[in-house]
PDB file of N, CA and C in Angstrom:
ATOM      1  N   MET A   1       4.062  -1.673 -44.223  1.00  0.00           N
ATOM      2  CA  MET A   1       2.738  -3.231 -44.295  1.00  0.00           C
ATOM      3  C   MET A   1       3.336  -4.829 -43.542  1.00  0.00           C
ATOM      4  N   LYS A   2       1.949  -4.627 -42.834  1.00  0.00           N
ATOM      5  CA  LYS A   2       1.533  -5.182 -41.703  1.00  0.00           C
ATOM      6  C   LYS A   2       2.066  -6.813 -42.152  1.00  0.00           C
ATOM      7  N   MET A   3       2.752  -8.138 -41.049  1.00  0.00           N
ATOM      8  CA  MET A   3       1.940  -9.415 -41.235  1.00  0.00           C
ATOM      9  C   MET A   3       1.165  -9.185 -40.857  1.00  0.00           C
ATOM     10  N   LEU A   4       0.097 -10.498 -41.415  1.00  0.00           N
ATOM     11  CA  LEU A   4      -0.900 -11.358 -40.347  1.00  0.00           C
ATOM     12  C   LEU A   4      -0.795 -12.491 -40.288  1.00  0.00           C
ATOM     13  N   LYS A   5      -1.242 -12.797 -39.355  1.00  0.00           N
ATOM     14  CA  LYS A   5      -1.177 -14.165 -38.963  1.00  0.00           C
ATOM     15  C   LYS A   5      -2.702 -14.956 -38.660  1.00  0.00           C
ATOM     16  N   VAL A   6      -2.858 -15.964 -39.579  1.00  0.00           N
ATOM     17  CA  VAL A   6      -4.183 -16.747 -39.131  1.00  0.00           C
ATOM     18  C   VAL A   6      -4.122 -18.161 -38.700  1.00  0.00           C
ATOM     19  N   ILE A   7      -4.790 -17.887 -38.120  1.00  0.00           N
ATOM     20  CA  ILE A   7      -4.953 -19.362 -36.847  1.00  0.00           C
ATOM     21  C   ILE A   7      -5.981 -20.229 -36.918  1.00  0.00           C
ATOM     22  N   SER A   8      -6.627 -21.144 -36.992  1.00  0.00           N
ATOM     23  CA  SER A   8      -7.162 -21.880 -36.875  1.00  0.00           C
ATOM     24  C   SER A   8      -8.467 -22.229 -35.515  1.00  0.00           C
ATOM     25  N   ALA A   9      -9.246 -22.201 -35.805  1.00  0.00           N
ATOM     26  CA  ALA A   9      -9.857 -22.391 -34.237  1.00  0.00           C
ATOM     27  C   ALA A   9      -9.370 -23.323 -33.295  1.00  0.00           C
ATOM     28  N   PRO A  10      -9.160 -23.982 -34.321  1.00  0.00           N
ATOM     29  CA  PRO A  10      -8.738 -25.532 -32.621  1.00  0.00           C
ATOM     30  C   PRO A  10      -7.194 -24.510 -31.828  1.00  0.00           C
ATOM     31  N   LYS A  11      -6.783 -23.835 -32.926  1.00  0.00           N
ATOM     32  CA  LYS A  11      -5.581 -23.490 -32.532  1.00  0.00           C
ATOM     33  C   LYS A  11      -5.816 -22.080 -31.597  1.00  0.00           C
ATOM     34  N   GLN A  12      -6.929 -21.077 -30.905  1.00  0.00           N
ATOM     35  CA  GLN A  12      -6.531 -20.570 -30.068  1.00  0.00           C
ATOM     36  C   GLN A  12      -7.100 -21.517 -29.029  1.00  0.00           C
ATOM     37  N   GLU A  13      -6.544 -20.792 -28.219  1.00  0.00           N
ATOM     38  CA  GLU A  13      -6.943 -20.265 -25.534  1.00  0.00           C
ATOM     39  C   GLU A  13      -7.422 -19.613 -25.921  1.00  0.00           C
ATOM     40  N   ILE A  14      -8.281 -19.327 -24.781  1.00  0.00           N
ATOM     41  CA  ILE A  14      -9.317 -18.302 -24.535  1.00  0.00           C
ATOM     42  C   ILE A  14      -9.069 -19.095 -22.567  1.00  0.00           C
ATOM     43  N   ASN A  15      -8.378 -17.847 -22.487  1.00  0.00           N
ATOM     44  CA  ASN A  15      -8.524 -17.599 -20.632  1.00  0.00           C
ATOM     45  C   ASN A  15      -8.657 -16.611 -19.879  1.00  0.00           C
ATOM     46  N   PRO A  16      -9.183 -16.857 -19.132  1.00  0.00           N
ATOM     47  CA  PRO A  16      -9.845 -16.328 -18.648  1.00  0.00           C
ATOM     48  C   PRO A  16      -9.440 -14.740 -18.492  1.00  0.00           C
ATOM     49  N   PHE A  17      -9.893 -13.624 -17.652  1.00  0.00           N
ATOM     50  CA  PHE A  17      -9.049 -12.165 -17.586  1.00  0.00           C
ATOM     51  C   PHE A  17      -8.919 -11.897 -16.091  1.00  0.00           C
ATOM     52  N   VAL A  18      -7.380 -12.011 -15.601  1.00  0.00           N
ATOM     53  CA  VAL A  18      -7.407 -11.883 -14.169  1.00  0.00           C
ATOM     54  C   VAL A  18      -6.596 -10.295 -14.210  1.00  0.00           C
ATOM     55  N   LEU A  19      -6.860  -9.228 -13.380  1.00  0.00           N
ATOM     56  CA  LEU A  19      -6.429  -7.568 -13.500  1.00  0.00           C
ATOM     57  C   LEU A  19      -5.299  -8.466 -12.863  1.00  0.00           C
ATOM     58  N   GLU A  20      -4.768  -8.990 -11.741  1.00  0.00           N
ATOM     59  CA  GLU A  20      -3.691  -9.348 -11.110  1.00  0.00           C
ATOM     60  C   GLU A  20      -2.825  -9.573 -12.303  1.00  0.00           C
ATOM     61  N   ASP A  21      -2.978  -9.642 -12.940  1.00  0.00           N
ATOM     62  CA  ASP A  21      -1.423  -9.826 -13.810  1.00  0.00           C
ATOM     63  C   ASP A  21      -0.845  -8.824 -14.828  1.00  0.00           C
ATOM     64  N   PHE A  22      -2.177  -7.910 -14.474  1.00  0.00           N
ATOM     65  CA  PHE A  22      -1.914  -6.840 -15.601  1.00  0.00           C
ATOM     66  C   PHE A  22      -0.942  -5.546 -15.027  1.00  0.00           C
ATOM     67  N   THR A  23      -1.188  -5.877 -13.004  1.00  0.00           N
ATOM     68  CA  THR A  23      -0.898  -4.894 -11.990  1.00  0.00           C
ATOM     69  C   THR A  23       0.701  -5.056 -12.063  1.00  0.00           C
ATOM     70  N   LEU A  24       1.362  -3.808 -11.151  1.00  0.00           N
ATOM     71  CA  LEU A  24       2.128  -4.130 -10.892  1.00  0.00           C
ATOM     72  C   LEU A  24       2.113  -4.639  -9.447  1.00  0.00           C
ATOM     73  N   ASP A  25       3.839  -5.168  -9.120  1.00  0.00           N
ATOM     74  CA  ASP A  25       3.685  -5.626  -7.654  1.00  0.00           C
ATOM     75  C   ASP A  25       4.007  -4.148  -6.359  1.00  0.00           C
ATOM     76  N   LYS A  26       4.756  -4.115  -7.412  1.00  0.00           N
ATOM     77  CA  LYS A  26       4.871  -2.521  -6.446  1.00  0.00           C
ATOM     78  C   LYS A  26       3.279  -1.818  -5.710  1.00  0.00           C
ATOM     79  N   VAL A  27       2.339  -2.089  -6.886  1.00  0.00           N
ATOM     80  CA  VAL A  27       1.185  -1.764  -6.306  1.00  0.00           C
ATOM     81  C   VAL A  27       0.839  -2.079  -5.123  1.00  0.00           C
ATOM     82  N   LYS A  28       1.107  -3.645  -4.754  1.00  0.00           N
ATOM     83  CA  LYS A  28       0.806  -3.998  -3.972  1.00  0.00           C
ATOM     84  C   LYS A  28       1.227  -3.874  -2.866  1.00  0.00           C
ATOM     85  N   THR A  29       2.463  -4.388  -3.069  1.00  0.00           N
ATOM     86  CA  THR A  29       3.227  -3.667  -1.299  1.00  0.00           C
ATOM     87  C   THR A  29       3.920  -2.446  -1.582  1.00  0.00           C
ATOM     88  N   SER A  30       2.901  -1.525  -0.609  1.00  0.00           N
ATOM     89  CA  SER A  30       2.977  -0.351  -0.445  1.00  0.00           C
ATOM     90  C   SER A  30       4.023   0.244   0.530  1.00  0.00           C
ATOM     91  N   LYS A  31       4.976   1.202   0.357  1.00  0.00           N
ATOM     92  CA  LYS A  31       5.987   1.082   1.610  1.00  0.00           C
ATOM     93  C   LYS A  31       5.500   1.772   2.581  1.00  0.00           C
ATOM     94  N   ILE A  32       6.069   1.062   4.138  1.00  0.00           N
ATOM     95  CA  ILE A  32       4.893   1.542   5.236  1.00  0.00           C
ATOM     96  C   ILE A  32       6.572   2.976   5.771  1.00  0.00           C
ATOM     97  N   GLU A  33       5.636   3.857   5.907  1.00  0.00           N
ATOM     98  CA  GLU A  33       6.670   5.040   6.198  1.00  0.00           C
ATOM     99  C   GLU A  33       6.578   4.481   7.690  1.00  0.00           C
ATOM    100  N   LYS A  34       7.992   5.082   8.866  1.00  0.00           N
ATOM    101  CA  LYS A  34       7.825   5.266   9.703  1.00  0.00           C
ATOM    102  C   LYS A  34       7.207   6.713  10.404  1.00  0.00           C
ATOM    103  N   ILE A  35       6.307   6.620  11.323  1.00  0.00           N
ATOM    104  CA  ILE A  35       5.887   7.868  12.006  1.00  0.00           C
ATOM    105  C   ILE A  35       6.483   8.381  12.718  1.00  0.00           C
ATOM    106  N   SER A  36       6.500   9.391  13.331  1.00  0.00           N
ATOM    107  CA  SER A  36       7.543  10.499  13.946  1.00  0.00           C
ATOM    108  C   SER A  36       6.780  10.837  14.715  1.00  0.00           C
ATOM    109  N   LYS A  37       7.585  11.143  15.466  1.00  0.00           N
ATOM    110  CA  LYS A  37       7.281  11.849  17.058  1.00  0.00           C
ATOM    111  C   LYS A  37       6.781  13.067  16.549  1.00  0.00           C
ATOM    112  N   LYS A  38       7.630  14.118  15.820  1.00  0.00           N
ATOM    113  CA  LYS A  38       6.810  15.416  15.421  1.00  0.00           C
ATOM    114  C   LYS A  38       5.731  15.278  14.715  1.00  0.00           C
ATOM    115  N   TYR A  39       5.660  14.085  13.646  1.00  0.00           N
ATOM    116  CA  TYR A  39       4.086  14.205  13.502  1.00  0.00           C
ATOM    117  C   TYR A  39       2.673  13.662  14.287  1.00  0.00           C
ATOM    118  N   VAL A  40       3.348  12.831  15.415  1.00  0.00           N
ATOM    119  CA  VAL A  40       2.140  12.189  16.432  1.00  0.00           C
ATOM    120  C   VAL A  40       1.563  13.826  17.358  1.00  0.00           C
ATOM    121  N   LYS A  41       2.922  14.902  17.437  1.00  0.00           N
ATOM    122  CA  LYS A  41       2.483  15.967  17.892  1.00  0.00           C
ATOM    123  C   LYS A  41       1.643  16.721  17.461  1.00  0.00           C
ATOM    124  N   GLU A  42       2.230  16.457  17.290  1.00  0.00           N
ATOM    125  CA  GLU A  42       1.468  17.962  15.438  1.00  0.00           C
ATOM    126  C   GLU A  42       0.189  17.516  15.563  1.00  0.00           C
ATOM    127  N   LEU A  43      -0.480  16.565  15.629  1.00  0.00           N
ATOM    128  CA  LEU A  43      -1.404  15.601  15.786  1.00  0.00           C
ATOM    129  C   LEU A  43      -2.772  15.626  17.485  1.00  0.00           C
ATOM    130  N   ALA A  44      -1.900  15.546  17.763  1.00  0.00           N
ATOM    131  CA  ALA A  44      -2.355  15.158  19.356  1.00  0.00           C
ATOM    132  C   ALA A  44      -2.310  16.861  19.416  1.00  0.00           C
ATOM    133  N   LYS A  45      -2.193  17.478  18.549  1.00  0.00           N
ATOM    134  CA  LYS A  45      -2.211  19.864  18.613  1.00  0.00           C
ATOM    135  C   LYS A  45      -3.001  19.917  17.592  1.00  0.00           C
ATOM    136  N   GLU A  46      -3.184  18.941  17.361  1.00  0.00           N
ATOM    137  CA  GLU A  46      -4.169  19.184  16.243  1.00  0.00           C
ATOM    138  C   GLU A  46      -5.974  19.031  16.616  1.00  0.00           C
ATOM    139  N   LEU A  47      -5.633  17.490  17.413  1.00  0.00           N
ATOM    140  CA  LEU A  47      -7.127  17.788  18.343  1.00  0.00           C
ATOM    141  C   LEU A  47      -7.132  18.147  19.618  1.00  0.00           C
ATOM    142  N   ALA A  48      -6.496  18.816  19.758  1.00  0.00           N
ATOM    143  CA  ALA A  48      -7.063  19.897  21.366  1.00  0.00           C
ATOM    144  C   ALA A  48      -6.460  18.724  22.325  1.00  0.00           C
ATOM    145  N   LEU A  49      -5.011  17.329  22.106  1.00  0.00           N
ATOM    146  CA  LEU A  49      -5.260  16.255  23.331  1.00  0.00           C
ATOM    147  C   LEU A  49      -4.307  16.746  24.019  1.00  0.00           C
ATOM    148  N   SER A  50      -3.759  16.054  25.142  1.00  0.00           N
ATOM    149  CA  SER A  50      -2.131  16.549  26.379  1.00  0.00           C
ATOM    150  C   SER A  50      -1.940  15.464  25.870  1.00  0.00           C
ATOM    151  N   TYR A  51      -0.419  15.904  26.017  1.00  0.00           N
ATOM    152  CA  TYR A  51       0.465  14.460  25.735  1.00  0.00           C
ATOM    153  C   TYR A  51       1.358  14.937  26.282  1.00  0.00           C
ATOM    154  N   ASP A  52       2.818  13.417  27.064  1.00  0.00           N
ATOM    155  CA  ASP A  52       3.897  14.861  27.383  1.00  0.00           C
ATOM    156  C   ASP A  52       4.458  13.130  26.619  1.00  0.00           C
ATOM    157  N   ASN A  53       5.730  13.172  26.847  1.00  0.00           N
ATOM    158  CA  ASN A  53       7.287  12.511  25.983  1.00  0.00           C
ATOM    159  C   ASN A  53       7.071  10.879  25.741  1.00  0.00           C
ATOM    160  N   LYS A  54       6.679  10.365  26.866  1.00  0.00           N
ATOM    161  CA  LYS A  54       6.014   9.076  27.167  1.00  0.00           C
ATOM    162  C   LYS A  54       4.878   9.042  26.253  1.00  0.00           C
ATOM    163  N   SER A  55       3.558   9.252  26.528  1.00  0.00           N
ATOM    164  CA  SER A  55       2.453   9.316  25.439  1.00  0.00           C
ATOM    165  C   SER A  55       2.840   9.118  23.991  1.00  0.00           C
ATOM    166  N   LEU A  56       4.102   9.958  23.826  1.00  0.00           N
ATOM    167  CA  LEU A  56       4.152  10.394  22.526  1.00  0.00           C
ATOM    168  C   LEU A  56       4.907   8.861  21.450  1.00  0.00           C
ATOM    169  N   THR A  57       6.045   8.377  22.729  1.00  0.00           N
ATOM    170  CA  THR A  57       6.614   7.284  22.433  1.00  0.00           C
ATOM    171  C   THR A  57       5.663   6.178  21.945  1.00  0.00           C
ATOM    172  N   PHE A  58       4.750   6.220  22.787  1.00  0.00           N
ATOM    173  CA  PHE A  58       4.060   5.270  23.113  1.00  0.00           C
ATOM    174  C   PHE A  58       3.074   5.076  21.558  1.00  0.00           C
ATOM    175  N   ALA A  59       2.517   6.104  21.598  1.00  0.00           N
ATOM    176  CA  ALA A  59       1.377   6.471  20.119  1.00  0.00           C
ATOM    177  C   ALA A  59       2.450   6.030  18.962  1.00  0.00           C
ATOM    178  N   GLN A  60       3.575   6.327  19.103  1.00  0.00           N
ATOM    179  CA  GLN A  60       4.421   6.382  17.694  1.00  0.00           C
ATOM    180  C   GLN A  60       4.415   4.849  17.780  1.00  0.00           C
ATOM    181  N   LYS A  61       4.993   4.559  18.504  1.00  0.00           N
ATOM    182  CA  LYS A  61       5.280   2.765  18.752  1.00  0.00           C
ATOM    183  C   LYS A  61       4.043   2.042  18.200  1.00  0.00           C
ATOM    184  N   ILE A  62       3.203   2.430  18.564  1.00  0.00           N
ATOM    185  CA  ILE A  62       1.470   1.802  18.265  1.00  0.00           C
ATOM    186  C   ILE A  62       1.033   1.763  17.231  1.00  0.00           C
ATOM    187  N   LEU A  63       1.054   2.986  16.498  1.00  0.00           N
ATOM    188  CA  LEU A  63       0.738   3.425  15.670  1.00  0.00           C
ATOM    189  C   LEU A  63       2.180   2.554  13.954  1.00  0.00           C
ATOM    190  N   THR A  64       3.267   2.543  14.157  1.00  0.00           N
ATOM    191  CA  THR A  64       3.941   1.859  13.256  1.00  0.00           C
ATOM    192  C   THR A  64       4.106   0.479  13.203  1.00  0.00           C
ATOM    193  N   ALA A  65       3.954   0.444  14.503  1.00  0.00           N
ATOM    194  CA  ALA A  65       3.584  -1.448  14.183  1.00  0.00           C
ATOM    195  C   ALA A  65       1.578  -1.822  14.048  1.00  0.00           C
ATOM    196  N   TYR A  66       1.164  -1.026  14.123  1.00  0.00           N
ATOM    197  CA  TYR A  66      -0.686  -1.229  13.196  1.00  0.00           C
ATOM    198  C   TYR A  66      -0.331  -1.292  11.857  1.00  0.00           C
ATOM    199  N   LEU A  67       0.523  -0.280  11.124  1.00  0.00           N
ATOM    200  CA  LEU A  67       0.869   0.652   9.976  1.00  0.00           C
ATOM    201  C   LEU A  67       1.568  -0.871   9.201  1.00  0.00           C
ATOM    202  N   GLU A  68       2.580  -1.354   9.867  1.00  0.00           N
ATOM    203  CA  GLU A  68       3.536  -2.749   9.253  1.00  0.00           C
ATOM    204  C   GLU A  68       2.319  -3.995   9.282  1.00  0.00           C
ATOM    205  N   LYS A  69       1.975  -4.228  10.293  1.00  0.00           N
ATOM    206  CA  LYS A  69       0.548  -5.621  10.361  1.00  0.00           C
ATOM    207  C   LYS A  69      -0.764  -5.433   8.944  1.00  0.00           C
ATOM    208  N   ARG A  70      -0.946  -4.411   8.510  1.00  0.00           N
ATOM    209  CA  ARG A  70      -1.943  -4.267   8.618  1.00  0.00           C
ATOM    210  C   ARG A  70      -1.271  -4.010   6.197  1.00  0.00           C
TER     211      ARG A  70
END
């Protein structure tokens, strides 16, 4: 048997629905993975771009900084 609690109208409180109250904080702050040179190298091959070690390092640093800032 369940118990019921009866409340009167003046005791009720109405609050607006805020979606952020029901979402997890972990969803808001997603983990940014560090971009590897290997990934940049494979992407350059896929896009048929010429590259060298210096340009791969630069691209890796730029992409990582962009994702951290975003």
